[in-house]
PDB file of N, CA and C in Angstrom:
ATOM      1  N   MET A   1     141.879 221.386 115.801  1.00  0.00           N
ATOM      2  CA  MET A   1     143.248 221.631 115.448  1.00  0.00           C
ATOM      3  C   MET A   1     143.353 221.575 113.929  1.00  0.00           C
ATOM      4  N   LEU A   2     143.949 222.601 113.348  1.00  0.00           N
ATOM      5  CA  LEU A   2     144.127 222.633 111.899  1.00  0.00           C
ATOM      6  C   LEU A   2     145.391 221.917 111.454  1.00  0.00           C
ATOM      7  N   PHE A   3     146.488 222.112 112.209  1.00  0.00           N
ATOM      8  CA  PHE A   3     147.780 221.535 111.837  1.00  0.00           C
ATOM      9  C   PHE A   3     148.505 221.030 113.077  1.00  0.00           C
ATOM     10  N   HIS A   4     149.296 220.008 112.884  1.00  0.00           N
ATOM     11  CA  HIS A   4     150.258 219.555 113.887  1.00  0.00           C
ATOM     12  C   HIS A   4     151.617 219.751 113.234  1.00  0.00           C
ATOM     13  N   LEU A   5     152.361 220.739 113.688  1.00  0.00           N
ATOM     14  CA  LEU A   5     153.644 221.081 113.080  1.00  0.00           C
ATOM     15  C   LEU A   5     154.764 220.437 113.884  1.00  0.00           C
ATOM     16  N   ALA A   6     155.264 219.332 113.406  1.00  0.00           N
ATOM     17  CA  ALA A   6     156.304 218.583 114.114  1.00  0.00           C
ATOM     18  C   ALA A   6     157.670 218.913 113.534  1.00  0.00           C
ATOM     19  N   GLY A   7     158.659 219.030 114.403  1.00  0.00           N
ATOM     20  CA  GLY A   7     160.015 219.273 113.941  1.00  0.00           C
ATOM     21  C   GLY A   7     160.928 219.761 115.049  1.00  0.00           C
ATOM     22  N   HIS A   8     160.412 220.605 115.935  1.00  0.00           N
ATOM     23  CA  HIS A   8     161.242 221.090 117.032  1.00  0.00           C
ATOM     24  C   HIS A   8     161.567 219.945 117.983  1.00  0.00           C
ATOM     25  N   GLN A   9     162.747 220.035 118.595  1.00  0.00           N
ATOM     26  CA  GLN A   9     163.203 219.012 119.528  1.00  0.00           C
ATOM     27  C   GLN A   9     163.013 219.422 120.988  1.00  0.00           C
ATOM     28  N   ASP A  10     162.435 220.597 121.211  1.00  0.00           N
ATOM     29  CA  ASP A  10     162.199 221.079 122.573  1.00  0.00           C
ATOM     30  C   ASP A  10     160.983 222.011 122.547  1.00  0.00           C
ATOM     31  N   VAL A  11     160.706 222.632 123.652  1.00  0.00           N
ATOM     32  CA  VAL A  11     159.523 223.480 123.814  1.00  0.00           C
ATOM     33  C   VAL A  11     159.541 224.658 122.835  1.00  0.00           C
ATOM     34  N   VAL A  12     158.400 224.952 122.244  1.00  0.00           N
ATOM     35  CA  VAL A  12     158.243 226.132 121.395  1.00  0.00           C
ATOM     36  C   VAL A  12     157.898 227.312 122.300  1.00  0.00           C
ATOM     37  N   ARG A  13     158.667 228.401 122.178  1.00  0.00           N
ATOM     38  CA  ARG A  13     158.515 229.561 123.062  1.00  0.00           C
ATOM     39  C   ARG A  13     157.704 230.694 122.444  1.00  0.00           C
ATOM     40  N   ASP A  14     157.702 230.799 121.103  1.00  0.00           N
ATOM     41  CA  ASP A  14     157.030 231.933 120.475  1.00  0.00           C
ATOM     42  C   ASP A  14     156.629 231.570 119.054  1.00  0.00           C
ATOM     43  N   LEU A  15     155.605 232.273 118.566  1.00  0.00           N
ATOM     44  CA  LEU A  15     155.125 232.120 117.192  1.00  0.00           C
ATOM     45  C   LEU A  15     154.921 233.505 116.602  1.00  0.00           C
ATOM     46  N   SER A  16     155.172 233.631 115.300  1.00  0.00           N
ATOM     47  CA  SER A  16     154.934 234.902 114.626  1.00  0.00           C
ATOM     48  C   SER A  16     154.397 234.625 113.226  1.00  0.00           C
ATOM     49  N   PHE A  17     153.272 235.254 112.898  1.00  0.00           N
ATOM     50  CA  PHE A  17     152.692 235.124 111.568  1.00  0.00           C
ATOM     51  C   PHE A  17     153.213 236.232 110.669  1.00  0.00           C
ATOM     52  N   ALA A  18     153.549 235.882 109.431  1.00  0.00           N
ATOM     53  CA  ALA A  18     153.933 236.889 108.446  1.00  0.00           C
ATOM     54  C   ALA A  18     152.687 237.637 108.000  1.00  0.00           C
ATOM     55  N   PRO A  19     152.833 238.928 107.691  1.00  0.00           N
ATOM     56  CA  PRO A  19     151.677 239.674 107.213  1.00  0.00           C
ATOM     57  C   PRO A  19     151.224 239.151 105.858  1.00  0.00           C
ATOM     58  N   GLY A  20     149.990 239.320 105.578  1.00  0.00           N
ATOM     59  CA  GLY A  20     149.442 238.888 104.298  1.00  0.00           C
ATOM     60  C   GLY A  20     147.980 238.546 104.460  1.00  0.00           C
ATOM     61  N   ASN A  21     147.322 238.464 103.358  1.00  0.00           N
ATOM     62  CA  ASN A  21     145.909 238.135 103.391  1.00  0.00           C
ATOM     63  C   ASN A  21     145.622 237.130 102.293  1.00  0.00           C
ATOM     64  N   PRO A  22     145.503 235.872 102.568  1.00  0.00           N
ATOM     65  CA  PRO A  22     145.575 235.311 103.917  1.00  0.00           C
ATOM     66  C   PRO A  22     147.024 235.158 104.369  1.00  0.00           C
ATOM     67  N   CYS A  23     147.252 235.163 105.664  1.00  0.00           N
ATOM     68  CA  CYS A  23     148.619 234.957 106.150  1.00  0.00           C
ATOM     69  C   CYS A  23     148.876 233.455 106.150  1.00  0.00           C
ATOM     70  N   SER A  24     149.903 233.059 105.446  1.00  0.00           N
ATOM     71  CA  SER A  24     150.157 231.628 105.305  1.00  0.00           C
ATOM     72  C   SER A  24     151.504 231.204 105.869  1.00  0.00           C
ATOM     73  N   ILE A  25     152.359 232.158 106.223  1.00  0.00           N
ATOM     74  CA  ILE A  25     153.688 231.823 106.742  1.00  0.00           C
ATOM     75  C   ILE A  25     153.706 232.030 108.255  1.00  0.00           C
ATOM     76  N   LEU A  26     154.208 231.030 108.951  1.00  0.00           N
ATOM     77  CA  LEU A  26     154.335 231.059 110.404  1.00  0.00           C
ATOM     78  C   LEU A  26     155.781 230.748 110.758  1.00  0.00           C
ATOM     79  N   VAL A  27     156.335 231.486 111.716  1.00  0.00           N
ATOM     80  CA  VAL A  27     157.681 231.212 112.223  1.00  0.00           C
ATOM     81  C   VAL A  27     157.552 230.817 113.687  1.00  0.00           C
ATOM     82  N   SER A  28     158.250 229.747 114.070  1.00  0.00           N
ATOM     83  CA  SER A  28     158.244 229.292 115.458  1.00  0.00           C
ATOM     84  C   SER A  28     159.654 229.374 116.028  1.00  0.00           C
ATOM     85  N   ALA A  29     159.742 229.741 117.303  1.00  0.00           N
ATOM     86  CA  ALA A  29     161.015 229.860 118.015  1.00  0.00           C
ATOM     87  C   ALA A  29     161.011 228.856 119.162  1.00  0.00           C
ATOM     88  N   SER A  30     162.144 228.171 119.366  1.00  0.00           N
ATOM     89  CA  SER A  30     162.151 227.064 120.316  1.00  0.00           C
ATOM     90  C   SER A  30     163.374 227.044 121.222  1.00  0.00           C
ATOM     91  N   ARG A  31     163.211 226.306 122.320  1.00  0.00           N
ATOM     92  CA  ARG A  31     164.345 226.051 123.212  1.00  0.00           C
ATOM     93  C   ARG A  31     165.357 225.112 122.573  1.00  0.00           C
ATOM     94  N   ASP A  32     165.062 224.556 121.407  1.00  0.00           N
ATOM     95  CA  ASP A  32     166.056 223.717 120.726  1.00  0.00           C
ATOM     96  C   ASP A  32     167.066 224.560 119.942  1.00  0.00           C
ATOM     97  N   LYS A  33     167.021 225.892 120.138  1.00  0.00           N
ATOM     98  CA  LYS A  33     167.960 226.857 119.554  1.00  0.00           C
ATOM     99  C   LYS A  33     167.708 227.120 118.076  1.00  0.00           C
ATOM    100  N   THR A  34     166.531 226.778 117.580  1.00  0.00           N
ATOM    101  CA  THR A  34     166.222 227.011 116.171  1.00  0.00           C
ATOM    102  C   THR A  34     164.930 227.804 116.011  1.00  0.00           C
ATOM    103  N   LEU A  35     164.802 228.371 114.827  1.00  0.00           N
ATOM    104  CA  LEU A  35     163.537 228.916 114.349  1.00  0.00           C
ATOM    105  C   LEU A  35     163.156 228.065 113.150  1.00  0.00           C
ATOM    106  N   ARG A  36     161.867 227.870 112.965  1.00  0.00           N
ATOM    107  CA  ARG A  36     161.393 227.094 111.822  1.00  0.00           C
ATOM    108  C   ARG A  36     160.326 227.894 111.102  1.00  0.00           C
ATOM    109  N   VAL A  37     160.374 227.804 109.778  1.00  0.00           N
ATOM    110  CA  VAL A  37     159.424 228.524 108.933  1.00  0.00           C
ATOM    111  C   VAL A  37     158.470 227.505 108.332  1.00  0.00           C
ATOM    112  N   TRP A  38     157.173 227.764 108.496  1.00  0.00           N
ATOM    113  CA  TRP A  38     156.126 226.841 108.058  1.00  0.00           C
ATOM    114  C   TRP A  38     155.220 227.519 107.044  1.00  0.00           C
ATOM    115  N   ASP A  39     154.750 226.767 106.063  1.00  0.00           N
ATOM    116  CA  ASP A  39     153.786 227.277 105.085  1.00  0.00           C
ATOM    117  C   ASP A  39     152.432 226.646 105.368  1.00  0.00           C
ATOM    118  N   LEU A  40     151.541 227.422 105.935  1.00  0.00           N
ATOM    119  CA  LEU A  40     150.230 226.899 106.308  1.00  0.00           C
ATOM    120  C   LEU A  40     149.344 226.650 105.094  1.00  0.00           C
ATOM    121  N   SER A  41     149.672 227.282 103.965  1.00  0.00           N
ATOM    122  CA  SER A  41     148.889 227.047 102.750  1.00  0.00           C
ATOM    123  C   SER A  41     149.222 225.699 102.118  1.00  0.00           C
ATOM    124  N   GLN A  42     150.303 225.069 102.599  1.00  0.00           N
ATOM    125  CA  GLN A  42     150.707 223.744 102.121  1.00  0.00           C
ATOM    126  C   GLN A  42     150.615 222.729 103.261  1.00  0.00           C
ATOM    127  N   ASN A  43     149.525 222.800 104.007  1.00  0.00           N
ATOM    128  CA  ASN A  43     149.266 221.874 105.119  1.00  0.00           C
ATOM    129  C   ASN A  43     150.350 221.893 106.185  1.00  0.00           C
ATOM    130  N   GLY A  44     150.955 223.055 106.418  1.00  0.00           N
ATOM    131  CA  GLY A  44     151.959 223.186 107.463  1.00  0.00           C
ATOM    132  C   GLY A  44     153.325 222.662 107.075  1.00  0.00           C
ATOM    133  N   LYS A  45     153.620 222.657 105.792  1.00  0.00           N
ATOM    134  CA  LYS A  45     154.930 222.175 105.324  1.00  0.00           C
ATOM    135  C   LYS A  45     156.046 223.030 105.921  1.00  0.00           C
ATOM    136  N   GLN A  46     157.079 222.355 106.448  1.00  0.00           N
ATOM    137  CA  GLN A  46     158.238 223.066 106.985  1.00  0.00           C
ATOM    138  C   GLN A  46     159.102 223.511 105.819  1.00  0.00           C
ATOM    139  N   LEU A  47     159.330 224.816 105.705  1.00  0.00           N
ATOM    140  CA  LEU A  47     160.107 225.359 104.599  1.00  0.00           C
ATOM    141  C   LEU A  47     161.586 225.495 104.920  1.00  0.00           C
ATOM    142  N   LYS A  48     161.888 225.826 106.175  1.00  0.00           N
ATOM    143  CA  LYS A  48     163.271 226.150 106.503  1.00  0.00           C
ATOM    144  C   LYS A  48     163.517 225.987 107.992  1.00  0.00           C
ATOM    145  N   VAL A  49     164.738 225.588 108.343  1.00  0.00           N
ATOM    146  CA  VAL A  49     165.201 225.575 109.731  1.00  0.00           C
ATOM    147  C   VAL A  49     166.316 226.610 109.826  1.00  0.00           C
ATOM    148  N   LEU A  50     166.153 227.565 110.718  1.00  0.00           N
ATOM    149  CA  LEU A  50     167.155 228.607 110.928  1.00  0.00           C
ATOM    150  C   LEU A  50     167.886 228.311 112.233  1.00  0.00           C
ATOM    151  N   SER A  51     169.182 228.090 112.127  1.00  0.00           N
ATOM    152  CA  SER A  51     169.984 227.774 113.311  1.00  0.00           C
ATOM    153  C   SER A  51     171.080 228.820 113.458  1.00  0.00           C
ATOM    154  N   GLY A  52     171.805 228.760 114.538  1.00  0.00           N
ATOM    155  CA  GLY A  52     172.890 229.695 114.773  1.00  0.00           C
ATOM    156  C   GLY A  52     172.888 230.265 116.179  1.00  0.00           C
ATOM    157  N   HIS A  53     171.739 230.231 116.834  1.00  0.00           N
ATOM    158  CA  HIS A  53     171.709 230.678 118.224  1.00  0.00           C
ATOM    159  C   HIS A  53     172.439 229.656 119.093  1.00  0.00           C
ATOM    160  N   LEU A  54     173.094 230.156 120.129  1.00  0.00           N
ATOM    161  CA  LEU A  54     173.849 229.290 121.032  1.00  0.00           C
ATOM    162  C   LEU A  54     173.028 228.862 122.243  1.00  0.00           C
ATOM    163  N   GLN A  55     171.918 229.550 122.469  1.00  0.00           N
ATOM    164  CA  GLN A  55     171.044 229.239 123.597  1.00  0.00           C
ATOM    165  C   GLN A  55     169.592 229.248 123.128  1.00  0.00           C
ATOM    166  N   TRP A  56     168.677 228.999 124.050  1.00  0.00           N
ATOM    167  CA  TRP A  56     167.253 228.955 123.730  1.00  0.00           C
ATOM    168  C   TRP A  56     166.829 230.196 122.967  1.00  0.00           C
ATOM    169  N   VAL A  57     165.950 230.027 122.005  1.00  0.00           N
ATOM    170  CA  VAL A  57     165.346 231.162 121.313  1.00  0.00           C
ATOM    171  C   VAL A  57     164.049 231.497 122.047  1.00  0.00           C
ATOM    172  N   TYR A  58     163.974 232.718 122.577  1.00  0.00           N
ATOM    173  CA  TYR A  58     162.821 233.135 123.374  1.00  0.00           C
ATOM    174  C   TYR A  58     161.711 233.757 122.539  1.00  0.00           C
ATOM    175  N   GLY A  59     162.082 234.421 121.456  1.00  0.00           N
ATOM    176  CA  GLY A  59     161.055 235.115 120.701  1.00  0.00           C
ATOM    177  C   GLY A  59     161.468 235.400 119.278  1.00  0.00           C
ATOM    178  N   CYS A  60     160.467 235.712 118.464  1.00  0.00           N
ATOM    179  CA  CYS A  60     160.706 236.071 117.076  1.00  0.00           C
ATOM    180  C   CYS A  60     159.631 237.052 116.636  1.00  0.00           C
ATOM    181  N   SER A  61     159.973 237.864 115.649  1.00  0.00           N
ATOM    182  CA  SER A  61     159.025 238.834 115.123  1.00  0.00           C
ATOM    183  C   SER A  61     159.329 239.072 113.651  1.00  0.00           C
ATOM    184  N   ILE A  62     158.274 239.223 112.871  1.00  0.00           N
ATOM    185  CA  ILE A  62     158.404 239.482 111.442  1.00  0.00           C
ATOM    186  C   ILE A  62     158.026 240.937 111.194  1.00  0.00           C
ATOM    187  N   SER A  63     158.812 241.628 110.362  1.00  0.00           N
ATOM    188  CA  SER A  63     158.533 243.033 110.063  1.00  0.00           C
ATOM    189  C   SER A  63     157.184 243.180 109.362  1.00  0.00           C
ATOM    190  N   PRO A  64     156.581 244.360 109.455  1.00  0.00           N
ATOM    191  CA  PRO A  64     155.263 244.573 108.843  1.00  0.00           C
ATOM    192  C   PRO A  64     155.216 244.301 107.339  1.00  0.00           C
ATOM    193  N   ASP A  65     156.351 244.493 106.646  1.00  0.00           N
ATOM    194  CA  ASP A  65     156.354 244.211 105.208  1.00  0.00           C
ATOM    195  C   ASP A  65     156.715 242.754 104.904  1.00  0.00           C
ATOM    196  N   GLY A  66     157.002 241.965 105.948  1.00  0.00           N
ATOM    197  CA  GLY A  66     157.298 240.549 105.773  1.00  0.00           C
ATOM    198  C   GLY A  66     158.677 240.244 105.236  1.00  0.00           C
ATOM    199  N   GLN A  67     159.548 241.245 105.141  1.00  0.00           N
ATOM    200  CA  GLN A  67     160.863 241.055 104.539  1.00  0.00           C
ATOM    201  C   GLN A  67     161.965 240.724 105.543  1.00  0.00           C
ATOM    202  N   MET A  68     161.726 240.986 106.825  1.00  0.00           N
ATOM    203  CA  MET A  68     162.767 240.746 107.825  1.00  0.00           C
ATOM    204  C   MET A  68     162.206 239.965 109.003  1.00  0.00           C
ATOM    205  N   LEU A  69     163.067 239.148 109.577  1.00  0.00           N
ATOM    206  CA  LEU A  69     162.738 238.360 110.760  1.00  0.00           C
ATOM    207  C   LEU A  69     163.808 238.643 111.804  1.00  0.00           C
ATOM    208  N   CYS A  70     163.403 238.929 113.019  1.00  0.00           N
ATOM    209  CA  CYS A  70     164.383 239.072 114.090  1.00  0.00           C
ATOM    210  C   CYS A  70     164.055 238.052 115.170  1.00  0.00           C
ATOM    211  N   SER A  71     165.089 237.673 115.902  1.00  0.00           N
ATOM    212  CA  SER A  71     164.913 236.701 116.980  1.00  0.00           C
ATOM    213  C   SER A  71     165.787 237.102 118.151  1.00  0.00           C
ATOM    214  N   VAL A  72     165.388 236.647 119.323  1.00  0.00           N
ATOM    215  CA  VAL A  72     166.152 236.931 120.527  1.00  0.00           C
ATOM    216  C   VAL A  72     166.309 235.623 121.299  1.00  0.00           C
ATOM    217  N   ALA A  73     167.516 235.431 121.826  1.00  0.00           N
ATOM    218  CA  ALA A  73     167.820 234.185 122.530  1.00  0.00           C
ATOM    219  C   ALA A  73     168.618 234.500 123.790  1.00  0.00           C
ATOM    220  N   GLY A  74     169.007 233.476 124.491  1.00  0.00           N
ATOM    221  CA  GLY A  74     169.695 233.620 125.760  1.00  0.00           C
ATOM    222  C   GLY A  74     171.076 234.222 125.696  1.00  0.00           C
ATOM    223  N   GLU A  75     171.631 234.404 124.503  1.00  0.00           N
ATOM    224  CA  GLU A  75     172.971 234.977 124.425  1.00  0.00           C
ATOM    225  C   GLU A  75     172.967 236.504 124.481  1.00  0.00           C
ATOM    226  N   LYS A  76     171.818 237.080 124.829  1.00  0.00           N
ATOM    227  CA  LYS A  76     171.691 238.516 125.087  1.00  0.00           C
ATOM    228  C   LYS A  76     171.962 239.367 123.854  1.00  0.00           C
ATOM    229  N   ALA A  77     171.494 238.926 122.704  1.00  0.00           N
ATOM    230  CA  ALA A  77     171.651 239.675 121.456  1.00  0.00           C
ATOM    231  C   ALA A  77     170.408 239.482 120.603  1.00  0.00           C
ATOM    232  N   VAL A  78     170.150 240.451 119.771  1.00  0.00           N
ATOM    233  CA  VAL A  78     169.056 240.334 118.806  1.00  0.00           C
ATOM    234  C   VAL A  78     169.668 239.961 117.471  1.00  0.00           C
ATOM    235  N   SER A  79     169.124 238.956 116.827  1.00  0.00           N
ATOM    236  CA  SER A  79     169.655 238.503 115.529  1.00  0.00           C
ATOM    237  C   SER A  79     168.643 238.754 114.440  1.00  0.00           C
TER     238      SER A  79
END
């Protein structure tokens, strides 16, 4: 195990790596209704907590250029 990324309060449902070489940014989506942004080049430092979903976050995806993040949750909308 390279990193133990602690912070979510419920099950993590999805992970998405930002493009790059090396790719150092990871986004996690959780049933705690948040997404979290981690910097793997800084030993898994948590950079940001993204909240606003009203239900579980099922998935996340980062655009190929790394400039946009989308997420989908139980409220039947893409954010």
